[in-house]
Amino acid sequence: VTMNNRVGCATFTGFTTAAAGSQVFVITNSIVTTSSCVLVTVCNEGANDAQMTITRVTRAAGSLSVTCVNNGAAALNGNVAINFWVLTA
């Protein structure tokens, strides 16, 4: 996903991350630097007991990688929304 905004919500579809599995979501954003202060949240939709939890946020020049683990009892079966706010560049 490419979003060159300070605030945004990136929606990822088609992922079926298994229980206890991890997934990396990448947002390309020209505002993000290696020293940016970034607030990030995650939410998942779907009827299964998938509980996506952020375990790592990695900033790079022009991108943001968000690693999540599924702490639920079932595989992910809905969209994942990554919300972010870049406070400094």
Protein backbone atom coordinates (compact mmCIF):
# COMPACT_ATOMS: atom_id res chain seq x y z
CA VAL A 1 0.00 0.00 0.00
CA THR A 2 1.25 3.51 -0.81
CA MET A 3 0.00 6.40 1.35
CA ASN A 4 2.04 9.60 1.46
CA ASN A 5 0.08 11.18 4.35
CA ARG A 6 0.93 11.96 7.98
CA VAL A 7 -2.28 10.23 9.08
CA GLY A 8 -3.89 7.28 7.36
CA CYS A 9 -5.60 3.93 7.44
CA ALA A 10 -4.23 1.24 5.13
CA THR A 11 -6.60 -1.67 4.50
CA PHE A 12 -5.14 -5.05 3.58
CA THR A 13 -7.37 -7.77 2.12
CA GLY A 14 -6.96 -11.43 1.27
CA PHE A 15 -4.72 -12.48 4.18
CA THR A 16 -5.45 -15.74 6.02
CA THR A 17 -2.81 -15.60 8.75
CA ALA A 18 -3.12 -18.77 10.84
CA ALA A 19 -3.45 -18.81 14.62
CA ALA A 20 0.01 -18.11 16.12
CA GLY A 21 1.21 -17.02 12.66
CA SER A 22 2.82 -13.69 11.90
CA GLN A 23 2.41 -11.31 8.98
CA VAL A 24 4.32 -8.21 7.86
CA PHE A 25 2.32 -5.33 6.37
CA VAL A 26 4.28 -2.70 4.44
CA ILE A 27 3.14 0.87 3.89
CA THR A 28 5.16 2.96 1.44
CA ASN A 29 5.17 6.56 2.66
CA SER A 30 7.58 9.28 1.51
CA ILE A 31 7.10 11.19 4.79
CA VAL A 32 8.51 8.39 6.97
CA THR A 33 12.23 8.47 7.82
CA THR A 34 14.40 6.20 9.93
CA SER A 35 13.97 8.61 12.86
CA SER A 36 10.23 9.35 12.50
CA CYS A 37 8.02 9.06 15.55
CA VAL A 38 5.07 6.95 14.39
CA LEU A 39 1.98 5.81 16.27
CA VAL A 40 0.46 2.61 14.86
CA THR A 41 -2.62 0.53 15.66
CA VAL A 42 -4.10 -2.57 14.04
CA CYS A 43 -7.61 -3.97 13.85
CA ASN A 44 -8.96 -6.98 12.05
CA GLU A 45 -12.43 -7.71 10.77
CA GLY A 46 -14.14 -11.04 10.23
CA ALA A 47 -16.10 -13.54 12.27
CA ASN A 48 -13.20 -15.84 13.22
CA ASP A 49 -11.37 -15.52 16.54
CA ALA A 50 -8.34 -13.87 14.94
CA GLN A 51 -6.59 -11.39 17.25
CA MET A 52 -3.94 -9.47 15.34
CA THR A 53 -1.42 -7.84 17.67
CA ILE A 54 1.49 -5.58 16.70
CA THR A 55 4.84 -7.07 17.67
CA ARG A 56 7.17 -4.76 15.74
CA VAL A 57 7.16 -1.49 13.82
CA THR A 58 10.15 -0.86 11.56
CA ARG A 59 10.75 2.58 10.05
CA ALA A 60 12.82 3.04 6.93
CA ALA A 61 13.42 5.89 4.53
CA GLY A 62 10.09 6.01 2.70
CA SER A 63 8.30 3.07 4.30
CA LEU A 64 6.85 1.55 7.42
CA SER A 65 6.71 -2.20 8.14
CA VAL A 66 4.25 -3.46 10.75
CA THR A 67 4.71 -7.03 12.00
CA CYS A 68 1.63 -8.60 13.58
CA VAL A 69 0.97 -11.97 15.18
CA ASN A 70 -2.41 -13.69 15.32
CA ASN A 71 -3.00 -14.41 19.02
CA GLY A 72 -6.48 -15.80 18.34
CA ALA A 73 -7.71 -19.37 18.13
CA ALA A 74 -8.56 -19.22 14.39
CA ALA A 75 -7.13 -18.00 11.11
CA LEU A 76 -7.70 -14.45 9.95
CA ASN A 77 -10.72 -14.21 7.66
CA GLY A 78 -11.28 -10.49 7.14
CA ASN A 79 -9.59 -7.22 6.32
CA VAL A 80 -6.73 -5.84 8.39
CA ALA A 81 -6.63 -2.08 8.96
CA ILE A 82 -3.32 -0.49 9.91
CA ASN A 83 -3.85 3.03 11.28
CA PHE A 84 -0.85 5.32 11.54
CA TRP A 85 0.14 8.82 12.52
CA VAL A 86 3.59 10.18 11.61
CA LEU A 87 4.36 12.78 14.28
CA THR A 88 7.83 13.81 13.06
CA ALA A 89 9.83 13.18 9.92
